[in-house]
Each structure stands twice: as structure tokens, then as C-alpha cells.
Amino acid sequence: MEEELQMIYDEFKNSNSKTLGHLENELVKIRAGKASPAMLQGVMIDYYGSPTPLQQVANVSTMDARTITVQPWEKNTLNDISRGIINANLGFAPQNNGEVILISVPPLTEERRRDLVKKAKAEGEHAKVGIRNNRKDALDMVKDLKNEGLSEDLMKDAENEVQQMTNLFIKKIDELIESKEKEVMTI
């Protein structure tokens, strides 16, 4: 029974780590007023008829704190890249000069900063829901073990262990959101 419990704990930690990793990826996309290649991470380009990540068809870098440059490996993909950036709905207006695509990152207004903080908090709430769903799955597995002969005391200990891990992951999520909020609100 101890081995089965340990497997449940490991699976629970693994699922929660994936949820935390997803949250970190989503928070990277929320910009804090400074240009970053990560802002274009989710952009997909129609590359010869198949959707392809932007990073696989171009070199994305920053020229300065307010400008992102996209240097395509093939010049004939410039229009497709511009279209992909616009379709990604990031609020950027790419400028095509025939060689590279320049994206000006406008400074954030106070209202826009508040919206970004709300978005970060919403992502945090989604992550917390994911953690709670993982907890429910783990507790269901513990209950299944009870039906297979797990003692009442071991079941209570397992439930407490799962809850402590849940609290730990929820605290990590809160810390990530708090840190992102400070980053976004700092001018």
C-alpha cells in the first residue's frame, strides 16, 4: 500500500508541476512594457500551407527596449509573418520594410497595466482550478485504495499529505502572480 500511495503522490506532484509550468509560460506572454521575443511565442505562421511557430521561420530579437525585430529566413514569408502576428491578436501593428518586420511596443498606460494584472490573476485562478482538479483525482485514487484494504488511519494521513501539497502549490501560484503584478505595475 505504501508504494501505491507514493505513486499517487508522485503523479500528483508531476501534474501540479505541469500546471505551474503552464502558468509560467502564460505569464511570460503578459508584457511589462519592455519588448521581449517571448511576446511572440504563441504566434503561428501559415508556412507553405501548414501552421508553423514563428520561431521556426524567422529570427526574433529585440532592437531596443521598445522594438521587436523579426528577420525571416526567406523573404517571401514576410507577408505571412505580418498576417500571423496580426491574427495572434496581441495588439501589435507589424511594419514590413521589405527586409525585416519591426514591431513597436507602446508604453503601457495605467489602465492597460491594470488590465494586464487582471489577466495575470485570471491565469492564476485557472492554474488553481487545475491544482484543485489534480487534488480531486489524487483523493479519488486514495479512496480506491481504501476499497482495496487501505486502513482508515493511512487514508487520513494520505488525504492530509495531498492537502499539504495542494497548499504548497497554491502558495507558489500566489507568489508567481504577486511577482508578475509588481513587474507590470512598476513603471
C-alpha atoms as a PDB file:
ATOM      1  CA  MET A   1       0.000   0.000   0.000  1.00  0.00           C
ATOM      2  CA  GLU A   2       2.887   2.389   0.724  1.00  0.00           C
ATOM      3  CA  GLU A   3       4.146   2.032  -2.852  1.00  0.00           C
ATOM      4  CA  GLU A   4       0.711   2.818  -4.283  1.00  0.00           C
ATOM      5  CA  LEU A   5       0.433   5.897  -2.065  1.00  0.00           C
ATOM      6  CA  GLN A   6       3.882   7.074  -3.138  1.00  0.00           C
ATOM      7  CA  MET A   7       2.867   6.629  -6.792  1.00  0.00           C
ATOM      8  CA  ILE A   8      -0.231   8.759  -6.167  1.00  0.00           C
ATOM      9  CA  TYR A   9       1.905  11.474  -4.521  1.00  0.00           C
ATOM     10  CA  ASP A  10       4.422  11.425  -7.377  1.00  0.00           C
ATOM     11  CA  GLU A  11       1.718  11.611 -10.025  1.00  0.00           C
ATOM     12  CA  PHE A  12       0.035  14.455  -8.116  1.00  0.00           C
ATOM     13  CA  LYS A  13       3.303  16.418  -7.861  1.00  0.00           C
ATOM     14  CA  ASN A  14       4.024  15.822 -11.547  1.00  0.00           C
ATOM     15  CA  SER A  15       0.565  17.040 -12.630  1.00  0.00           C
ATOM     16  CA  ASN A  16       0.860  20.115 -10.422  1.00  0.00           C
ATOM     17  CA  SER A  17       4.346  20.885 -11.753  1.00  0.00           C
ATOM     18  CA  LYS A  18       2.952  20.799 -15.294  1.00  0.00           C
ATOM     19  CA  THR A  19       0.157  23.164 -14.243  1.00  0.00           C
ATOM     20  CA  LEU A  20       2.721  25.506 -12.675  1.00  0.00           C
ATOM     21  CA  GLY A  21       4.887  25.343 -15.813  1.00  0.00           C
ATOM     22  CA  HIS A  22       1.904  26.234 -17.977  1.00  0.00           C
ATOM     23  CA  LEU A  23       1.137  29.220 -15.736  1.00  0.00           C
ATOM     24  CA  GLU A  24       4.751  30.426 -16.003  1.00  0.00           C
ATOM     25  CA  ASN A  25       4.553  30.204 -19.812  1.00  0.00           C
ATOM     26  CA  GLU A  26       1.309  32.181 -19.852  1.00  0.00           C
ATOM     27  CA  LEU A  27       2.747  34.850 -17.536  1.00  0.00           C
ATOM     28  CA  VAL A  28       5.767  35.314 -19.822  1.00  0.00           C
ATOM     29  CA  LYS A  29       3.358  36.350 -22.577  1.00  0.00           C
ATOM     30  CA  ILE A  30       1.962  39.147 -20.405  1.00  0.00           C
ATOM     31  CA  ARG A  31       4.244  42.027 -21.150  1.00  0.00           C
ATOM     32  CA  ALA A  32       5.503  44.508 -18.613  1.00  0.00           C
ATOM     33  CA  GLY A  33       6.162  47.394 -21.001  1.00  0.00           C
ATOM     34  CA  LYS A  34       9.540  46.164 -22.218  1.00  0.00           C
ATOM     35  CA  ALA A  35       9.950  44.452 -25.592  1.00  0.00           C
ATOM     36  CA  SER A  36      10.757  40.762 -25.399  1.00  0.00           C
ATOM     37  CA  PRO A  37      10.941  37.992 -28.049  1.00  0.00           C
ATOM     38  CA  ALA A  38       8.790  35.872 -25.716  1.00  0.00           C
ATOM     39  CA  MET A  39       5.837  38.150 -26.541  1.00  0.00           C
ATOM     40  CA  LEU A  40       5.619  36.467 -29.945  1.00  0.00           C
ATOM     41  CA  GLN A  41       5.991  32.938 -28.555  1.00  0.00           C
ATOM     42  CA  GLY A  42       2.497  31.712 -29.448  1.00  0.00           C
ATOM     43  CA  VAL A  43       2.391  33.228 -32.952  1.00  0.00           C
ATOM     44  CA  MET A  44       1.692  30.708 -35.712  1.00  0.00           C
ATOM     45  CA  ILE A  45       2.554  31.397 -39.355  1.00  0.00           C
ATOM     46  CA  ASP A  46       0.981  29.869 -42.473  1.00  0.00           C
ATOM     47  CA  TYR A  47       4.196  28.433 -43.905  1.00  0.00           C
ATOM     48  CA  TYR A  48       3.605  26.725 -47.244  1.00  0.00           C
ATOM     49  CA  GLY A  49       0.114  25.720 -46.181  1.00  0.00           C
ATOM     50  CA  SER A  50       0.888  24.395 -42.693  1.00  0.00           C
ATOM     51  CA  PRO A  51       0.726  26.319 -39.401  1.00  0.00           C
ATOM     52  CA  THR A  52       4.263  26.753 -38.073  1.00  0.00           C
ATOM     53  CA  PRO A  53       5.580  28.559 -34.955  1.00  0.00           C
ATOM     54  CA  LEU A  54       7.161  31.920 -35.796  1.00  0.00           C
ATOM     55  CA  GLN A  55      10.475  30.886 -34.206  1.00  0.00           C
ATOM     56  CA  GLN A  56      10.835  28.131 -36.826  1.00  0.00           C
ATOM     57  CA  VAL A  57      10.672  30.508 -39.814  1.00  0.00           C
ATOM     58  CA  ALA A  58      12.393  33.638 -38.508  1.00  0.00           C
ATOM     59  CA  ASN A  59      14.860  35.056 -36.027  1.00  0.00           C
ATOM     60  CA  VAL A  60      13.017  37.059 -33.343  1.00  0.00           C
ATOM     61  CA  SER A  61      15.050  39.550 -31.303  1.00  0.00           C
ATOM     62  CA  THR A  62      14.841  42.965 -29.677  1.00  0.00           C
ATOM     63  CA  MET A  63      16.464  46.020 -31.180  1.00  0.00           C
ATOM     64  CA  ASP A  64      15.905  48.135 -28.068  1.00  0.00           C
ATOM     65  CA  ALA A  65      13.542  48.270 -25.077  1.00  0.00           C
ATOM     66  CA  ARG A  66      10.593  49.245 -27.307  1.00  0.00           C
ATOM     67  CA  THR A  67      11.195  47.378 -30.590  1.00  0.00           C
ATOM     68  CA  ILE A  68      10.997  43.707 -31.585  1.00  0.00           C
ATOM     69  CA  THR A  69      12.562  42.680 -34.886  1.00  0.00           C
ATOM     70  CA  VAL A  70      11.552  39.619 -36.883  1.00  0.00           C
ATOM     71  CA  GLN A  71      14.127  38.594 -39.514  1.00  0.00           C
ATOM     72  CA  PRO A  72      12.622  35.876 -41.744  1.00  0.00           C
ATOM     73  CA  TRP A  73      14.889  33.230 -43.223  1.00  0.00           C
ATOM     74  CA  GLU A  74      13.010  33.528 -46.518  1.00  0.00           C
ATOM     75  CA  LYS A  75      11.961  36.997 -47.706  1.00  0.00           C
ATOM     76  CA  ASN A  76       8.830  35.673 -49.401  1.00  0.00           C
ATOM     77  CA  THR A  77       7.368  34.848 -45.955  1.00  0.00           C
ATOM     78  CA  LEU A  78       7.311  38.495 -44.772  1.00  0.00           C
ATOM     79  CA  ASN A  79       3.602  38.978 -45.529  1.00  0.00           C
ATOM     80  CA  ASP A  80       2.664  35.639 -43.953  1.00  0.00           C
ATOM     81  CA  ILE A  81       4.580  36.591 -40.806  1.00  0.00           C
ATOM     82  CA  SER A  82       2.865  40.012 -40.641  1.00  0.00           C
ATOM     83  CA  ARG A  83      -0.521  38.331 -41.082  1.00  0.00           C
ATOM     84  CA  GLY A  84       0.303  35.769 -38.366  1.00  0.00           C
ATOM     85  CA  ILE A  85       1.284  38.498 -35.881  1.00  0.00           C
ATOM     86  CA  ILE A  86      -1.919  40.422 -36.590  1.00  0.00           C
ATOM     87  CA  ASN A  87      -4.040  37.243 -36.340  1.00  0.00           C
ATOM     88  CA  ALA A  88      -2.435  36.375 -32.987  1.00  0.00           C
ATOM     89  CA  ASN A  89      -4.404  39.348 -31.620  1.00  0.00           C
ATOM     90  CA  LEU A  90      -1.565  40.660 -29.465  1.00  0.00           C
ATOM     91  CA  GLY A  91      -2.353  44.309 -30.174  1.00  0.00           C
ATOM     92  CA  PHE A  92       0.791  44.843 -32.271  1.00  0.00           C
ATOM     93  CA  ALA A  93       0.962  46.554 -35.662  1.00  0.00           C
ATOM     94  CA  PRO A  94       3.889  44.953 -37.524  1.00  0.00           C
ATOM     95  CA  GLN A  95       5.736  47.166 -40.005  1.00  0.00           C
ATOM     96  CA  ASN A  96       7.245  45.432 -43.023  1.00  0.00           C
ATOM     97  CA  ASN A  97      10.179  47.277 -44.614  1.00  0.00           C
ATOM     98  CA  GLY A  98      10.933  44.573 -47.187  1.00  0.00           C
ATOM     99  CA  GLU A  99      13.851  43.142 -45.189  1.00  0.00           C
ATOM    100  CA  VAL A 100      12.605  42.695 -41.625  1.00  0.00           C
ATOM    101  CA  ILE A 101       9.424  43.207 -39.650  1.00  0.00           C
ATOM    102  CA  LEU A 102       9.567  45.840 -36.929  1.00  0.00           C
ATOM    103  CA  ILE A 103       7.116  45.820 -34.058  1.00  0.00           C
ATOM    104  CA  SER A 104       6.910  48.873 -31.808  1.00  0.00           C
ATOM    105  CA  VAL A 105       5.855  48.029 -28.278  1.00  0.00           C
ATOM    106  CA  PRO A 106       3.932  51.030 -26.969  1.00  0.00           C
ATOM    107  CA  PRO A 107       4.462  52.115 -23.360  1.00  0.00           C
ATOM    108  CA  LEU A 108       1.758  50.851 -21.048  1.00  0.00           C
ATOM    109  CA  THR A 109      -0.918  53.166 -19.715  1.00  0.00           C
ATOM    110  CA  GLU A 110      -2.156  52.835 -16.143  1.00  0.00           C
ATOM    111  CA  GLU A 111      -5.425  51.335 -17.393  1.00  0.00           C
ATOM    112  CA  ARG A 112      -3.591  48.809 -19.593  1.00  0.00           C
ATOM    113  CA  ARG A 113      -1.376  47.841 -16.642  1.00  0.00           C
ATOM    114  CA  ARG A 114      -4.470  47.135 -14.545  1.00  0.00           C
ATOM    115  CA  ASP A 115      -5.917  45.013 -17.376  1.00  0.00           C
ATOM    116  CA  LEU A 116      -2.686  43.003 -17.570  1.00  0.00           C
ATOM    117  CA  VAL A 117      -2.757  42.433 -13.801  1.00  0.00           C
ATOM    118  CA  LYS A 118      -6.360  41.197 -14.127  1.00  0.00           C
ATOM    119  CA  LYS A 119      -5.273  38.867 -16.918  1.00  0.00           C
ATOM    120  CA  ALA A 120      -2.399  37.541 -14.780  1.00  0.00           C
ATOM    121  CA  LYS A 121      -4.768  36.956 -11.862  1.00  0.00           C
ATOM    122  CA  ALA A 122      -7.209  35.151 -14.162  1.00  0.00           C
ATOM    123  CA  GLU A 123      -4.378  32.870 -15.348  1.00  0.00           C
ATOM    124  CA  GLY A 124      -3.539  32.259 -11.691  1.00  0.00           C
ATOM    125  CA  GLU A 125      -7.135  31.269 -10.983  1.00  0.00           C
ATOM    126  CA  HIS A 126      -7.097  28.849 -13.935  1.00  0.00           C
ATOM    127  CA  ALA A 127      -3.938  27.283 -12.517  1.00  0.00           C
ATOM    128  CA  LYS A 128      -5.541  26.982  -9.063  1.00  0.00           C
ATOM    129  CA  VAL A 129      -8.541  25.224 -10.605  1.00  0.00           C
ATOM    130  CA  GLY A 130      -6.103  22.831 -12.291  1.00  0.00           C
ATOM    131  CA  ILE A 131      -4.376  22.140  -8.959  1.00  0.00           C
ATOM    132  CA  ARG A 132      -7.740  21.504  -7.277  1.00  0.00           C
ATOM    133  CA  ASN A 133      -8.757  19.121 -10.067  1.00  0.00           C
ATOM    134  CA  ASN A 134      -5.463  17.270  -9.590  1.00  0.00           C
ATOM    135  CA  ARG A 135      -6.192  17.102  -5.838  1.00  0.00           C
ATOM    136  CA  LYS A 136      -9.635  15.609  -6.529  1.00  0.00           C
ATOM    137  CA  ASP A 137      -8.078  12.972  -8.807  1.00  0.00           C
ATOM    138  CA  ALA A 138      -5.458  12.097  -6.161  1.00  0.00           C
ATOM    139  CA  LEU A 139      -8.086  11.834  -3.415  1.00  0.00           C
ATOM    140  CA  ASP A 140     -10.233   9.611  -5.647  1.00  0.00           C
ATOM    141  CA  MET A 141      -7.235   7.305  -6.124  1.00  0.00           C
ATOM    142  CA  VAL A 142      -6.693   7.219  -2.345  1.00  0.00           C
ATOM    143  CA  LYS A 143     -10.369   6.267  -1.857  1.00  0.00           C
ATOM    144  CA  ASP A 144      -9.950   3.493  -4.415  1.00  0.00           C
ATOM    145  CA  LEU A 145      -7.051   2.165  -2.313  1.00  0.00           C
ATOM    146  CA  LYS A 146      -9.310   2.203   0.758  1.00  0.00           C
ATOM    147  CA  ASN A 147     -11.622  -0.176  -1.092  1.00  0.00           C
ATOM    148  CA  GLU A 148      -8.582  -2.403  -1.679  1.00  0.00           C
ATOM    149  CA  GLY A 149      -7.809  -2.594   2.033  1.00  0.00           C
ATOM    150  CA  LEU A 150      -6.051   0.682   2.981  1.00  0.00           C
ATOM    151  CA  SER A 151      -6.538   1.371   6.692  1.00  0.00           C
ATOM    152  CA  GLU A 152      -8.582   4.378   7.854  1.00  0.00           C
ATOM    153  CA  ASP A 153      -5.507   5.975   9.511  1.00  0.00           C
ATOM    154  CA  LEU A 154      -3.363   5.661   6.373  1.00  0.00           C
ATOM    155  CA  MET A 155      -6.210   7.097   4.310  1.00  0.00           C
ATOM    156  CA  LYS A 156      -6.477  10.156   6.610  1.00  0.00           C
ATOM    157  CA  ASP A 157      -2.680  10.610   6.504  1.00  0.00           C
ATOM    158  CA  ALA A 158      -2.733  10.395   2.698  1.00  0.00           C
ATOM    159  CA  GLU A 159      -5.543  12.957   2.468  1.00  0.00           C
ATOM    160  CA  ASN A 160      -3.584  15.316   4.753  1.00  0.00           C
ATOM    161  CA  GLU A 161      -0.429  14.834   2.664  1.00  0.00           C
ATOM    162  CA  VAL A 162      -2.317  15.606  -0.561  1.00  0.00           C
ATOM    163  CA  GLN A 163      -3.849  18.716   1.044  1.00  0.00           C
ATOM    164  CA  GLN A 164      -0.435  19.938   2.257  1.00  0.00           C
ATOM    165  CA  MET A 165       0.996  19.533  -1.250  1.00  0.00           C
ATOM    166  CA  THR A 166      -2.025  21.364  -2.663  1.00  0.00           C
ATOM    167  CA  ASN A 167      -1.469  24.263  -0.247  1.00  0.00           C
ATOM    168  CA  LEU A 168       2.187  24.414  -1.251  1.00  0.00           C
ATOM    169  CA  PHE A 169       1.393  24.638  -4.966  1.00  0.00           C
ATOM    170  CA  ILE A 170      -1.370  27.218  -4.393  1.00  0.00           C
ATOM    171  CA  LYS A 171       1.150  29.307  -2.426  1.00  0.00           C
ATOM    172  CA  LYS A 172       3.628  29.080  -5.337  1.00  0.00           C
ATOM    173  CA  ILE A 173       0.906  30.272  -7.722  1.00  0.00           C
ATOM    174  CA  ASP A 174       0.114  33.225  -5.444  1.00  0.00           C
ATOM    175  CA  GLU A 175       3.815  34.138  -5.303  1.00  0.00           C
ATOM    176  CA  LEU A 176       4.120  33.998  -9.121  1.00  0.00           C
ATOM    177  CA  ILE A 177       1.056  36.211  -9.577  1.00  0.00           C
ATOM    178  CA  GLU A 178       2.232  38.674  -6.930  1.00  0.00           C
ATOM    179  CA  SER A 179       5.648  38.922  -8.586  1.00  0.00           C
ATOM    180  CA  LYS A 180       4.076  39.444 -12.030  1.00  0.00           C
ATOM    181  CA  GLU A 181       1.776  42.128 -10.588  1.00  0.00           C
ATOM    182  CA  LYS A 182       4.779  44.026  -9.173  1.00  0.00           C
ATOM    183  CA  GLU A 183       6.599  43.680 -12.515  1.00  0.00           C
ATOM    184  CA  VAL A 184       3.618  45.006 -14.513  1.00  0.00           C
ATOM    185  CA  MET A 185       2.767  47.864 -12.160  1.00  0.00           C
ATOM    186  CA  THR A 186       6.378  49.111 -11.908  1.00  0.00           C
ATOM    187  CA  ILE A 187       6.965  51.917 -14.359  1.00  0.00           C
END
